[in-house]
Amino acid sequence: MSVLPHVLESVLQEAAVLSAATGLAYTGAVVTVAGFSVLFRDPQRRRDARTTLMILMRRRGKR
């Protein structure tokens, strides 16, 4: 039997786990910044948080 299918399966599983972890970390960052943009009492900090949220949520297609 060839070792290639076993190695390929292992690599794909690890890539899927890494992709899921990255997605969760990005989602956590967006949720945190969105919460700060609503909960901060200082108007300047709220503006800063909203600006950061706009940067995180920017779409690449339109310029």
PDB file of N, CA and C in Angstrom:
ATOM      1  N   MET A   1       0.836  -1.191   0.000  1.00  0.00           N
ATOM      2  CA  MET A   1       0.000   0.000   0.000  1.00  0.00           C
ATOM      3  C   MET A   1       0.872   1.242   0.000  1.00  0.00           C
ATOM      4  N   SER A   2       0.308   2.267  -0.565  1.00  0.00           N
ATOM      5  CA  SER A   2       1.030   3.535  -0.642  1.00  0.00           C
ATOM      6  C   SER A   2       0.830   4.340   0.640  1.00  0.00           C
ATOM      7  N   VAL A   3       1.840   5.061   1.008  1.00  0.00           N
ATOM      8  CA  VAL A   3       1.790   5.903   2.204  1.00  0.00           C
ATOM      9  C   VAL A   3       1.137   7.247   1.888  1.00  0.00           C
ATOM     10  N   LEU A   4       1.125   7.615   0.613  1.00  0.00           N
ATOM     11  CA  LEU A   4       0.624   8.925   0.195  1.00  0.00           C
ATOM     12  C   LEU A   4      -0.812   9.213   0.647  1.00  0.00           C
ATOM     13  N   PRO A   5      -1.771   8.309   0.492  1.00  0.00           N
ATOM     14  CA  PRO A   5      -3.129   8.625   0.965  1.00  0.00           C
ATOM     15  C   PRO A   5      -3.197   8.901   2.461  1.00  0.00           C
ATOM     16  N   HIS A   6      -2.432   8.164   3.238  1.00  0.00           N
ATOM     17  CA  HIS A   6      -2.436   8.366   4.691  1.00  0.00           C
ATOM     18  C   HIS A   6      -1.855   9.732   5.044  1.00  0.00           C
ATOM     19  N   VAL A   7      -0.749  10.093   4.400  1.00  0.00           N
ATOM     20  CA  VAL A   7      -0.113  11.391   4.649  1.00  0.00           C
ATOM     21  C   VAL A   7      -1.018  12.517   4.177  1.00  0.00           C
ATOM     22  N   LEU A   8      -1.616  12.360   3.002  1.00  0.00           N
ATOM     23  CA  LEU A   8      -2.507  13.387   2.463  1.00  0.00           C
ATOM     24  C   LEU A   8      -3.715  13.598   3.370  1.00  0.00           C
ATOM     25  N   GLU A   9      -4.276  12.514   3.892  1.00  0.00           N
ATOM     26  CA  GLU A   9      -5.416  12.627   4.802  1.00  0.00           C
ATOM     27  C   GLU A   9      -5.023  13.375   6.077  1.00  0.00           C
ATOM     28  N   SER A  10      -3.860  13.083   6.610  1.00  0.00           N
ATOM     29  CA  SER A  10      -3.384  13.746   7.811  1.00  0.00           C
ATOM     30  C   SER A  10      -3.184  15.240   7.575  1.00  0.00           C
ATOM     31  N   VAL A  11      -2.583  15.584   6.451  1.00  0.00           N
ATOM     32  CA  VAL A  11      -2.340  16.993   6.130  1.00  0.00           C
ATOM     33  C   VAL A  11      -3.665  17.741   5.956  1.00  0.00           C
ATOM     34  N   LEU A  12      -4.605  17.128   5.280  1.00  0.00           N
ATOM     35  CA  LEU A  12      -5.903  17.780   5.074  1.00  0.00           C
ATOM     36  C   LEU A  12      -6.662  17.968   6.385  1.00  0.00           C
ATOM     37  N   GLN A  13      -6.572  16.995   7.287  1.00  0.00           N
ATOM     38  CA  GLN A  13      -7.237  17.137   8.584  1.00  0.00           C
ATOM     39  C   GLN A  13      -6.617  18.274   9.387  1.00  0.00           C
ATOM     40  N   GLU A  14      -5.300  18.363   9.375  1.00  0.00           N
ATOM     41  CA  GLU A  14      -4.641  19.445  10.112  1.00  0.00           C
ATOM     42  C   GLU A  14      -4.928  20.806   9.487  1.00  0.00           C
ATOM     43  N   ALA A  15      -5.034  20.855   8.181  1.00  0.00           N
ATOM     44  CA  ALA A  15      -5.383  22.112   7.504  1.00  0.00           C
ATOM     45  C   ALA A  15      -6.805  22.538   7.876  1.00  0.00           C
ATOM     46  N   ALA A  16      -7.713  21.581   7.975  1.00  0.00           N
ATOM     47  CA  ALA A  16      -9.088  21.895   8.352  1.00  0.00           C
ATOM     48  C   ALA A  16      -9.155  22.419   9.783  1.00  0.00           C
ATOM     49  N   VAL A  17      -8.395  21.811  10.679  1.00  0.00           N
ATOM     50  CA  VAL A  17      -8.375  22.262  12.078  1.00  0.00           C
ATOM     51  C   VAL A  17      -7.787  23.667  12.169  1.00  0.00           C
ATOM     52  N   LEU A  18      -6.706  23.920  11.443  1.00  0.00           N
ATOM     53  CA  LEU A  18      -6.086  25.240  11.445  1.00  0.00           C
ATOM     54  C   LEU A  18      -7.026  26.295  10.863  1.00  0.00           C
ATOM     55  N   SER A  19      -7.725  25.944   9.807  1.00  0.00           N
ATOM     56  CA  SER A  19      -8.683  26.865   9.200  1.00  0.00           C
ATOM     57  C   SER A  19      -9.825  27.186  10.166  1.00  0.00           C
ATOM     58  N   ALA A  20     -10.328  26.194  10.852  1.00  0.00           N
ATOM     59  CA  ALA A  20     -11.403  26.417  11.822  1.00  0.00           C
ATOM     60  C   ALA A  20     -10.927  27.288  12.977  1.00  0.00           C
ATOM     61  N   ALA A  21      -9.723  27.037  13.462  1.00  0.00           N
ATOM     62  CA  ALA A  21      -9.184  27.838  14.570  1.00  0.00           C
ATOM     63  C   ALA A  21      -8.985  29.287  14.146  1.00  0.00           C
ATOM     64  N   THR A  22      -8.500  29.493  12.937  1.00  0.00           N
ATOM     65  CA  THR A  22      -8.314  30.854  12.429  1.00  0.00           C
ATOM     66  C   THR A  22      -9.651  31.569  12.289  1.00  0.00           C
ATOM     67  N   GLY A  23     -10.645  30.867  11.781  1.00  0.00           N
ATOM     68  CA  GLY A  23     -11.977  31.456  11.649  1.00  0.00           C
ATOM     69  C   GLY A  23     -12.574  31.834  12.994  1.00  0.00           C
ATOM     70  N   LEU A  24     -12.390  30.982  13.976  1.00  0.00           N
ATOM     71  CA  LEU A  24     -12.903  31.282  15.320  1.00  0.00           C
ATOM     72  C   LEU A  24     -12.178  32.473  15.938  1.00  0.00           C
ATOM     73  N   ALA A  25     -10.872  32.550  15.745  1.00  0.00           N
ATOM     74  CA  ALA A  25     -10.109  33.681  16.286  1.00  0.00           C
ATOM     75  C   ALA A  25     -10.542  34.987  15.628  1.00  0.00           C
ATOM     76  N   TYR A  26     -10.747  34.980  14.313  1.00  0.00           N
ATOM     77  CA  TYR A  26     -11.191  36.183  13.604  1.00  0.00           C
ATOM     78  C   TYR A  26     -12.591  36.588  14.061  1.00  0.00           C
ATOM     79  N   THR A  27     -13.475  35.614  14.195  1.00  0.00           N
ATOM     80  CA  THR A  27     -14.828  35.903  14.661  1.00  0.00           C
ATOM     81  C   THR A  27     -14.806  36.481  16.073  1.00  0.00           C
ATOM     82  N   GLY A  28     -13.963  35.928  16.923  1.00  0.00           N
ATOM     83  CA  GLY A  28     -13.830  36.455  18.286  1.00  0.00           C
ATOM     84  C   GLY A  28     -13.337  37.893  18.295  1.00  0.00           C
ATOM     85  N   ALA A  29     -12.385  38.198  17.418  1.00  0.00           N
ATOM     86  CA  ALA A  29     -11.866  39.570  17.330  1.00  0.00           C
ATOM     87  C   ALA A  29     -12.955  40.530  16.863  1.00  0.00           C
ATOM     88  N   VAL A  30     -13.715  40.137  15.866  1.00  0.00           N
ATOM     89  CA  VAL A  30     -14.784  41.003  15.347  1.00  0.00           C
ATOM     90  C   VAL A  30     -15.860  41.220  16.395  1.00  0.00           C
ATOM     91  N   VAL A  31     -16.263  40.177  17.083  1.00  0.00           N
ATOM     92  CA  VAL A  31     -17.294  40.299  18.127  1.00  0.00           C
ATOM     93  C   VAL A  31     -16.800  41.185  19.268  1.00  0.00           C
ATOM     94  N   THR A  32     -15.541  41.023  19.652  1.00  0.00           N
ATOM     95  CA  THR A  32     -14.980  41.841  20.729  1.00  0.00           C
ATOM     96  C   THR A  32     -14.965  43.315  20.354  1.00  0.00           C
ATOM     97  N   VAL A  33     -14.487  43.623  19.153  1.00  0.00           N
ATOM     98  CA  VAL A  33     -14.428  45.022  18.720  1.00  0.00           C
ATOM     99  C   VAL A  33     -15.826  45.594  18.555  1.00  0.00           C
ATOM    100  N   ALA A  34     -16.753  44.797  18.052  1.00  0.00           N
ATOM    101  CA  ALA A  34     -18.137  45.273  17.920  1.00  0.00           C
ATOM    102  C   ALA A  34     -18.733  45.575  19.297  1.00  0.00           C
ATOM    103  N   GLY A  35     -18.447  44.717  20.258  1.00  0.00           N
ATOM    104  CA  GLY A  35     -18.930  44.977  21.622  1.00  0.00           C
ATOM    105  C   GLY A  35     -18.332  46.235  22.201  1.00  0.00           C
ATOM    106  N   PHE A  36     -17.036  46.453  21.991  1.00  0.00           N
ATOM    107  CA  PHE A  36     -16.402  47.670  22.485  1.00  0.00           C
ATOM    108  C   PHE A  36     -16.981  48.911  21.817  1.00  0.00           C
ATOM    109  N   SER A  37     -17.308  48.810  20.531  1.00  0.00           N
ATOM    110  CA  SER A  37     -17.845  49.981  19.834  1.00  0.00           C
ATOM    111  C   SER A  37     -19.211  50.385  20.383  1.00  0.00           C
ATOM    112  N   VAL A  38     -19.907  49.457  21.024  1.00  0.00           N
ATOM    113  CA  VAL A  38     -21.212  49.753  21.601  1.00  0.00           C
ATOM    114  C   VAL A  38     -21.103  50.106  23.088  1.00  0.00           C
ATOM    115  N   LEU A  39     -20.195  49.464  23.802  1.00  0.00           N
ATOM    116  CA  LEU A  39     -20.170  49.586  25.254  1.00  0.00           C
ATOM    117  C   LEU A  39     -19.288  50.701  25.810  1.00  0.00           C
ATOM    118  N   PHE A  40     -18.312  51.175  25.060  1.00  0.00           N
ATOM    119  CA  PHE A  40     -17.449  52.241  25.580  1.00  0.00           C
ATOM    120  C   PHE A  40     -18.258  53.507  25.837  1.00  0.00           C
ATOM    121  N   ARG A  41     -17.948  54.192  26.914  1.00  0.00           N
ATOM    122  CA  ARG A  41     -18.655  55.428  27.240  1.00  0.00           C
ATOM    123  C   ARG A  41     -17.992  56.636  26.597  1.00  0.00           C
ATOM    124  N   ASP A  42     -16.683  56.582  26.410  1.00  0.00           N
ATOM    125  CA  ASP A  42     -15.940  57.689  25.819  1.00  0.00           C
ATOM    126  C   ASP A  42     -16.181  57.706  24.299  1.00  0.00           C
ATOM    127  N   PRO A  43     -16.690  58.826  23.749  1.00  0.00           N
ATOM    128  CA  PRO A  43     -16.987  58.882  22.311  1.00  0.00           C
ATOM    129  C   PRO A  43     -15.765  58.612  21.420  1.00  0.00           C
ATOM    130  N   GLN A  44     -14.588  59.064  21.827  1.00  0.00           N
ATOM    131  CA  GLN A  44     -13.390  58.831  21.019  1.00  0.00           C
ATOM    132  C   GLN A  44     -13.052  57.337  20.935  1.00  0.00           C
ATOM    133  N   ARG A  45     -13.176  56.651  22.040  1.00  0.00           N
ATOM    134  CA  ARG A  45     -12.902  55.204  22.025  1.00  0.00           C
ATOM    135  C   ARG A  45     -13.939  54.457  21.208  1.00  0.00           C
ATOM    136  N   ARG A  46     -15.183  54.909  21.261  1.00  0.00           N
ATOM    137  CA  ARG A  46     -16.221  54.280  20.444  1.00  0.00           C
ATOM    138  C   ARG A  46     -15.920  54.469  18.967  1.00  0.00           C
ATOM    139  N   ARG A  47     -15.490  55.686  18.587  1.00  0.00           N
ATOM    140  CA  ARG A  47     -15.123  55.934  17.185  1.00  0.00           C
ATOM    141  C   ARG A  47     -13.950  55.058  16.765  1.00  0.00           C
ATOM    142  N   ASP A  48     -12.954  54.953  17.640  1.00  0.00           N
ATOM    143  CA  ASP A  48     -11.792  54.113  17.337  1.00  0.00           C
ATOM    144  C   ASP A  48     -12.204  52.651  17.134  1.00  0.00           C
ATOM    145  N   ALA A  49     -13.079  52.159  18.004  1.00  0.00           N
ATOM    146  CA  ALA A  49     -13.527  50.775  17.888  1.00  0.00           C
ATOM    147  C   ALA A  49     -14.334  50.573  16.605  1.00  0.00           C
ATOM    148  N   ARG A  50     -15.162  51.535  16.257  1.00  0.00           N
ATOM    149  CA  ARG A  50     -15.935  51.423  15.010  1.00  0.00           C
ATOM    150  C   ARG A  50     -15.030  51.460  13.787  1.00  0.00           C
ATOM    151  N   THR A  51     -14.002  52.299  13.835  1.00  0.00           N
ATOM    152  CA  THR A  51     -13.046  52.358  12.730  1.00  0.00           C
ATOM    153  C   THR A  51     -12.321  51.024  12.585  1.00  0.00           C
ATOM    154  N   THR A  52     -11.918  50.446  13.697  1.00  0.00           N
ATOM    155  CA  THR A  52     -11.256  49.138  13.667  1.00  0.00           C
ATOM    156  C   THR A  52     -12.200  48.076  13.114  1.00  0.00           C
ATOM    157  N   LEU A  53     -13.457  48.129  13.500  1.00  0.00           N
ATOM    158  CA  LEU A  53     -14.436  47.177  12.999  1.00  0.00           C
ATOM    159  C   LEU A  53     -14.618  47.332  11.496  1.00  0.00           C
ATOM    160  N   MET A  54     -14.643  48.562  10.999  1.00  0.00           N
ATOM    161  CA  MET A  54     -14.759  48.773   9.553  1.00  0.00           C
ATOM    162  C   MET A  54     -13.552  48.187   8.821  1.00  0.00           C
ATOM    163  N   ILE A  55     -12.373  48.322   9.406  1.00  0.00           N
ATOM    164  CA  ILE A  55     -11.171  47.753   8.791  1.00  0.00           C
ATOM    165  C   ILE A  55     -11.249  46.224   8.764  1.00  0.00           C
ATOM    166  N   LEU A  56     -11.697  45.623   9.866  1.00  0.00           N
ATOM    167  CA  LEU A  56     -11.801  44.168   9.927  1.00  0.00           C
ATOM    168  C   LEU A  56     -12.850  43.617   8.967  1.00  0.00           C
ATOM    169  N   MET A  57     -13.916  44.357   8.746  1.00  0.00           N
ATOM    170  CA  MET A  57     -15.022  43.869   7.930  1.00  0.00           C
ATOM    171  C   MET A  57     -14.957  44.334   6.472  1.00  0.00           C
ATOM    172  N   ARG A  58     -13.884  45.004   6.085  1.00  0.00           N
ATOM    173  CA  ARG A  58     -13.773  45.534   4.728  1.00  0.00           C
ATOM    174  C   ARG A  58     -13.787  44.390   3.700  1.00  0.00           C
ATOM    175  N   ARG A  59     -14.500  44.629   2.633  1.00  0.00           N
ATOM    176  CA  ARG A  59     -14.553  43.658   1.533  1.00  0.00           C
ATOM    177  C   ARG A  59     -13.456  43.998   0.542  1.00  0.00           C
ATOM    178  N   ARG A  60     -12.843  43.007  -0.047  1.00  0.00           N
ATOM    179  CA  ARG A  60     -11.716  43.222  -0.961  1.00  0.00           C
ATOM    180  C   ARG A  60     -12.168  43.540  -2.378  1.00  0.00           C
ATOM    181  N   GLY A  61     -13.355  43.172  -2.777  1.00  0.00           N
ATOM    182  CA  GLY A  61     -13.787  43.315  -4.160  1.00  0.00           C
ATOM    183  C   GLY A  61     -13.967  44.753  -4.621  1.00  0.00           C
ATOM    184  N   LYS A  62     -14.483  45.608  -3.782  1.00  0.00           N
ATOM    185  CA  LYS A  62     -14.809  46.987  -4.166  1.00  0.00           C
ATOM    186  C   LYS A  62     -13.719  47.932  -3.682  1.00  0.00           C
ATOM    187  N   ARG A  63     -13.298  48.831  -4.573  1.00  0.00           N
ATOM    188  CA  ARG A  63     -12.305  49.832  -4.196  1.00  0.00           C
ATOM    189  C   ARG A  63     -12.689  51.167  -4.754  1.00  0.00           C
TER     190      ARG A  63
END
